[in-house]
Amino acid sequence: MLVHPNMDPVAIDLGFVQIHWYGLMYLAAFAFAYWICRFRAKQGRAPFRPDQVDDIVFFVAMGTIIGGRLGYMLFYNFGTLVADPVSLFRIGSGGMSFHGGLIGVMLGLGYWARREKVAIGDIFDFAALAAPVGMGFGRLGNFIGQELWGRPTDVPWAMVFPRDPSGLARHPSQLYQAFLEGIVLFAVIYWFTSTTRPRWAAAGLFAILYGIFRFLVEFVREPDAHIGFDLWGWMSRGQLLSIPMIMIGILVMMIAYYRNVQPVFVDPTPPKTDKKA
């Protein structure tokens, strides 16, 4: 049996402001997204130029934060939202939803693609590569903050979380998710996109794999206390939300390979502007 190191969730305390590890994980996620975007763009393997990356990461960040918070309140805490609408803005109290963040990112990138006249499928395919490591960082933030822990177990690597009032040894499910949704998912998508695939194929594969990984981990993750199980005494809210992702992902991949439309990669050289004397 292992014991959680009980790290202080506050990484930096400046007195007038506290910087939490969870917030630093978000910064690390956006920093990685910025790096991978510029790396692939400089290779000419992206639907945008390196000088467009700043705008893309901005829309991703806004979509993640706004969508993640709104999704959590709608999917997991709707009663509180109705009774106290202002609770939506109490981000410091915790509560972010991956599925809500995903919708927010899709809307943000969709707006950017329309504005820049880029095929939405191409930018979504690229987002499928940039997202996994960021999700892995987020799960590490959950682990440090001792939240979203697993169900009680007697496996050799079971962990006791000091902030868990039950004192039971549990699955460190945050680490399972960090490994599957972060490392494994990134490795597969990176390999998959190393050669040219039909438009929308990478986005479809991302939806399938994330949905499967999340569905499986939910069997060892403790369901939200105020929700419990949604169906049949074992299906959690996370599993219920993951099923449509898997189904949509399969459909998207089938259509992608049936249509077999090739993505458009952009010349990394910024366009020249005419200078007038």
Protein backbone atom coordinates (compact mmCIF):
# COMPACT_ATOMS: atom_id res chain seq x y z
CA MET A 1 0.00 0.00 0.00
CA LEU A 2 1.21 3.49 -0.88
CA VAL A 3 0.53 6.83 0.78
CA HIS A 4 -0.04 9.99 -1.20
CA PRO A 5 2.83 12.47 -0.63
CA ASN A 6 0.23 15.01 0.54
CA MET A 7 1.72 17.89 -1.42
CA ASP A 8 0.43 21.36 -0.74
CA PRO A 9 -1.97 22.18 -3.60
CA VAL A 10 -0.61 25.73 -3.47
CA ALA A 11 2.65 25.77 -5.42
CA ILE A 12 3.50 29.44 -4.82
CA ASP A 13 2.08 31.64 -2.07
CA LEU A 14 2.82 35.33 -2.58
CA GLY A 15 0.54 36.42 0.21
CA PHE A 16 -1.76 38.53 -1.92
CA VAL A 17 -2.21 35.70 -4.43
CA GLN A 18 -1.85 31.92 -4.38
CA ILE A 19 -0.77 29.93 -7.43
CA HIS A 20 -2.08 26.38 -7.32
CA TRP A 21 -0.43 23.36 -8.90
CA TYR A 22 -3.62 22.76 -10.87
CA GLY A 23 -3.27 26.19 -12.46
CA LEU A 24 0.37 25.50 -13.28
CA MET A 25 -0.68 22.26 -14.96
CA TYR A 26 -2.99 24.28 -17.21
CA LEU A 27 -0.12 26.61 -18.06
CA ALA A 28 2.06 23.60 -18.88
CA ALA A 29 -0.72 22.23 -21.10
CA PHE A 30 -1.04 25.46 -23.06
CA ALA A 31 2.76 25.76 -23.31
CA PHE A 32 2.96 22.28 -24.82
CA ALA A 33 0.12 23.06 -27.23
CA TYR A 34 2.02 26.19 -28.30
CA TRP A 35 5.24 24.22 -28.82
CA ILE A 36 3.70 21.34 -30.81
CA CYS A 37 1.74 23.79 -32.96
CA ARG A 38 4.85 25.75 -33.89
CA PHE A 39 6.92 22.59 -34.35
CA ARG A 40 4.52 21.01 -36.82
CA ALA A 41 3.80 24.36 -38.51
CA LYS A 42 7.52 24.97 -39.17
CA GLN A 43 7.66 21.50 -40.75
CA GLY A 44 4.84 22.46 -43.08
CA ARG A 45 2.67 19.75 -41.46
CA ALA A 46 -0.09 21.99 -40.13
CA PRO A 47 -3.08 23.86 -41.58
CA PHE A 48 -1.64 27.16 -40.33
CA ARG A 49 1.59 29.15 -40.29
CA PRO A 50 3.83 29.55 -37.21
CA ASP A 51 2.83 33.22 -36.91
CA GLN A 52 -0.82 32.16 -36.45
CA VAL A 53 -0.16 29.97 -33.43
CA ASP A 54 -0.70 32.73 -30.85
CA ASP A 55 -4.31 33.20 -31.96
CA ILE A 56 -4.96 29.46 -32.02
CA VAL A 57 -3.67 28.87 -28.49
CA PHE A 58 -5.71 31.84 -27.24
CA PHE A 59 -8.94 30.36 -28.58
CA VAL A 60 -7.99 26.94 -27.19
CA ALA A 61 -7.34 28.44 -23.74
CA MET A 62 -10.62 30.37 -23.71
CA GLY A 63 -12.57 27.35 -24.94
CA THR A 64 -10.98 25.08 -22.34
CA ILE A 65 -11.64 27.37 -19.38
CA ILE A 66 -15.10 28.64 -20.31
CA GLY A 67 -16.33 25.35 -21.75
CA GLY A 68 -14.79 23.28 -18.96
CA ARG A 69 -16.43 25.32 -16.22
CA LEU A 70 -19.80 25.64 -17.93
CA GLY A 71 -19.78 21.93 -18.80
CA TYR A 72 -19.07 20.97 -15.19
CA MET A 73 -21.99 23.03 -13.91
CA LEU A 74 -24.37 21.73 -16.59
CA PHE A 75 -23.32 18.07 -16.58
CA TYR A 76 -22.36 17.53 -12.94
CA ASN A 77 -23.81 20.33 -10.81
CA PHE A 78 -26.92 21.58 -12.59
CA GLY A 79 -28.96 21.86 -9.39
CA THR A 80 -26.44 24.24 -7.85
CA LEU A 81 -26.31 26.29 -11.05
CA VAL A 82 -30.09 26.74 -11.05
CA ALA A 83 -30.23 27.61 -7.35
CA ASP A 84 -27.17 29.89 -7.47
CA PRO A 85 -26.24 31.04 -11.01
CA VAL A 86 -23.30 33.03 -9.64
CA SER A 87 -21.65 29.72 -8.68
CA LEU A 88 -20.68 29.42 -12.35
CA PHE A 89 -18.00 32.07 -11.77
CA ARG A 90 -16.57 30.54 -8.56
CA ILE A 91 -13.79 28.77 -10.41
CA GLY A 92 -11.61 28.81 -7.29
CA SER A 93 -13.98 26.33 -5.65
CA GLY A 94 -13.03 23.73 -8.28
CA GLY A 95 -14.96 21.92 -10.95
CA MET A 96 -13.98 21.52 -14.61
CA SER A 97 -15.40 19.08 -17.15
CA PHE A 98 -13.37 17.55 -19.97
CA HIS A 99 -16.45 17.10 -22.16
CA GLY A 100 -17.44 20.74 -21.63
CA GLY A 101 -13.88 21.87 -22.33
CA LEU A 102 -13.86 19.80 -25.52
CA ILE A 103 -17.03 21.50 -26.77
CA GLY A 104 -15.56 24.90 -25.87
CA VAL A 105 -12.34 24.18 -27.76
CA MET A 106 -14.30 22.96 -30.79
CA LEU A 107 -16.34 26.16 -30.85
CA GLY A 108 -13.24 28.33 -30.43
CA LEU A 109 -11.28 26.54 -33.16
CA GLY A 110 -14.35 26.47 -35.38
CA TYR A 111 -14.63 30.25 -35.12
CA TRP A 112 -10.90 30.68 -35.86
CA ALA A 113 -11.07 28.32 -38.85
CA ARG A 114 -14.04 30.16 -40.32
CA ARG A 115 -12.35 33.52 -39.83
CA GLU A 116 -9.11 32.34 -41.44
CA LYS A 117 -10.87 30.26 -44.13
CA VAL A 118 -9.26 27.00 -42.96
CA ALA A 119 -11.06 23.66 -43.26
CA ILE A 120 -12.52 22.84 -39.84
CA GLY A 121 -11.59 19.19 -40.24
CA ASP A 122 -7.93 20.08 -40.70
CA ILE A 123 -7.74 22.19 -37.53
CA PHE A 124 -9.69 19.58 -35.52
CA ASP A 125 -7.29 16.88 -36.71
CA PHE A 126 -4.39 18.98 -35.50
CA ALA A 127 -6.09 19.65 -32.15
CA ALA A 128 -6.31 15.87 -31.69
CA LEU A 129 -2.51 15.85 -31.60
CA ALA A 130 -2.11 18.85 -29.30
CA ALA A 131 -4.74 17.91 -26.71
CA PRO A 132 -3.59 14.63 -25.07
CA VAL A 133 -0.46 15.84 -23.26
CA GLY A 134 -2.44 18.79 -21.92
CA MET A 135 -5.05 16.39 -20.55
CA GLY A 136 -2.26 14.38 -18.95
CA PHE A 137 -1.02 17.49 -17.16
CA GLY A 138 -4.55 18.16 -15.97
CA ARG A 139 -4.80 14.70 -14.42
CA LEU A 140 -1.49 15.24 -12.64
CA GLY A 141 -3.04 18.39 -11.21
CA ASN A 142 -5.96 16.29 -9.96
CA PHE A 143 -3.50 13.87 -8.35
CA ILE A 144 -1.55 16.62 -6.59
CA GLY A 145 -4.78 18.21 -5.38
CA GLN A 146 -6.09 14.82 -4.15
CA GLU A 147 -9.32 15.01 -6.11
CA LEU A 148 -11.13 12.56 -8.40
CA TRP A 149 -9.47 9.59 -6.69
CA GLY A 150 -10.38 5.98 -7.38
CA ARG A 151 -12.53 3.40 -5.69
CA PRO A 152 -11.33 1.33 -2.72
CA THR A 153 -9.07 -1.57 -3.69
CA ASP A 154 -6.48 -3.99 -2.34
CA VAL A 155 -4.10 -3.97 -5.35
CA PRO A 156 -0.40 -3.64 -4.36
CA TRP A 157 -0.24 -0.05 -5.66
CA ALA A 158 -3.38 1.07 -3.81
CA MET A 159 -2.95 4.53 -2.32
CA VAL A 160 -4.23 6.25 0.79
CA PHE A 161 -5.12 9.89 0.24
CA PRO A 162 -4.64 11.91 3.46
CA ARG A 163 -7.58 14.19 2.60
CA ASP A 164 -9.94 11.25 2.13
CA PRO A 165 -11.98 11.06 5.37
CA SER A 166 -12.62 7.34 4.84
CA GLY A 167 -8.92 6.50 5.13
CA LEU A 168 -9.37 3.69 2.60
CA ALA A 169 -6.71 2.57 0.14
CA ARG A 170 -7.86 3.51 -3.35
CA HIS A 171 -6.94 3.25 -7.01
CA PRO A 172 -4.80 6.28 -8.00
CA SER A 173 -7.14 6.69 -10.97
CA GLN A 174 -5.78 10.17 -11.74
CA LEU A 175 -2.47 8.54 -12.70
CA TYR A 176 -4.25 5.92 -14.81
CA GLN A 177 -5.93 8.73 -16.72
CA ALA A 178 -2.71 10.74 -17.02
CA PHE A 179 -1.04 7.69 -18.58
CA LEU A 180 -3.86 6.65 -20.92
CA GLU A 181 -5.29 10.04 -21.89
CA GLY A 182 -1.92 11.78 -21.90
CA ILE A 183 0.99 9.54 -22.84
CA VAL A 184 -0.71 6.67 -24.70
CA LEU A 185 -3.21 8.83 -26.58
CA PHE A 186 -0.52 11.30 -27.64
CA ALA A 187 1.79 8.50 -28.82
CA VAL A 188 -0.93 6.91 -30.94
CA ILE A 189 -2.13 10.21 -32.48
CA TYR A 190 1.47 11.33 -33.10
CA TRP A 191 2.19 8.08 -34.93
CA PHE A 192 -1.12 8.26 -36.80
CA THR A 193 -0.51 11.82 -38.02
CA SER A 194 3.14 11.23 -38.95
CA THR A 195 1.85 10.29 -42.39
CA THR A 196 -0.93 12.03 -44.27
CA ARG A 197 -4.38 10.70 -43.38
CA PRO A 198 -7.82 11.66 -44.72
CA ARG A 199 -9.33 14.83 -43.31
CA TRP A 200 -11.22 14.22 -40.03
CA ALA A 201 -9.54 10.81 -39.47
CA ALA A 202 -7.31 11.96 -36.60
CA ALA A 203 -10.21 13.76 -34.89
CA GLY A 204 -12.32 10.61 -35.17
CA LEU A 205 -9.55 8.42 -33.75
CA PHE A 206 -9.09 10.85 -30.85
CA ALA A 207 -12.80 10.67 -29.96
CA ILE A 208 -12.79 6.87 -30.11
CA LEU A 209 -9.68 6.35 -27.99
CA TYR A 210 -10.47 9.01 -25.40
CA GLY A 211 -14.00 7.66 -25.03
CA ILE A 212 -12.73 4.10 -24.56
CA PHE A 213 -10.00 5.09 -22.09
CA ARG A 214 -12.38 7.24 -20.04
CA PHE A 215 -15.08 4.56 -20.06
CA LEU A 216 -12.64 1.94 -18.77
CA VAL A 217 -11.05 4.11 -16.05
CA GLU A 218 -14.50 5.03 -14.75
CA PHE A 219 -14.83 1.44 -13.49
CA VAL A 220 -12.11 2.17 -10.91
CA ARG A 221 -12.78 5.89 -10.37
CA GLU A 222 -15.00 6.98 -7.50
CA PRO A 223 -18.19 8.53 -8.91
CA ASP A 224 -19.15 12.02 -7.79
CA ALA A 225 -20.75 11.72 -4.35
CA HIS A 226 -23.69 13.99 -5.24
CA ILE A 227 -24.41 12.04 -8.46
CA GLY A 228 -23.50 8.40 -7.89
CA PHE A 229 -24.40 6.11 -10.79
CA ASP A 230 -26.74 7.11 -13.60
CA LEU A 231 -27.79 3.72 -14.98
CA TRP A 232 -28.06 0.10 -13.85
CA GLY A 233 -26.22 0.74 -10.61
CA TRP A 234 -22.79 0.85 -12.28
CA MET A 235 -22.72 3.36 -15.18
CA SER A 236 -21.25 6.70 -14.13
CA ARG A 237 -21.85 10.14 -15.62
CA GLY A 238 -18.40 10.04 -17.21
CA GLN A 239 -19.22 6.75 -18.95
CA LEU A 240 -22.57 8.07 -20.12
CA LEU A 241 -20.88 11.10 -21.69
CA SER A 242 -18.16 8.96 -23.27
CA ILE A 243 -20.48 6.63 -25.19
CA PRO A 244 -21.57 9.35 -27.69
CA MET A 245 -17.90 10.26 -28.19
CA ILE A 246 -17.04 6.69 -29.19
CA MET A 247 -20.01 6.40 -31.52
CA ILE A 248 -19.41 9.78 -33.15
CA GLY A 249 -15.69 9.00 -33.49
CA ILE A 250 -16.42 5.73 -35.31
CA LEU A 251 -18.87 7.47 -37.64
CA VAL A 252 -16.42 10.32 -38.33
CA MET A 253 -13.61 7.90 -39.20
CA MET A 254 -15.85 5.88 -41.51
CA ILE A 255 -16.93 9.02 -43.35
CA ALA A 256 -13.34 10.32 -43.46
CA TYR A 257 -12.03 7.20 -45.19
CA TYR A 258 -15.08 6.94 -47.43
CA ARG A 259 -14.69 10.51 -48.69
CA ASN A 260 -10.87 10.32 -48.58
CA VAL A 261 -10.37 14.10 -48.77
CA GLN A 262 -6.72 15.00 -48.22
CA PRO A 263 -5.83 17.72 -45.68
CA VAL A 264 -4.34 21.04 -46.75
CA PHE A 265 -1.01 21.92 -45.14
CA VAL A 266 0.10 25.54 -45.23
CA ASP A 267 3.45 26.90 -46.38
CA PRO A 268 5.20 27.97 -43.14
CA THR A 269 6.55 31.13 -44.79
CA PRO A 270 4.51 34.22 -43.77
CA PRO A 271 2.85 35.94 -46.73
CA LYS A 272 4.71 38.96 -48.06
CA THR A 273 3.05 42.32 -47.76
CA ASP A 274 3.52 45.08 -50.29
CA LYS A 275 5.37 48.04 -48.80
CA LYS A 276 4.55 51.44 -50.20
CA ALA A 277 7.05 54.23 -50.01
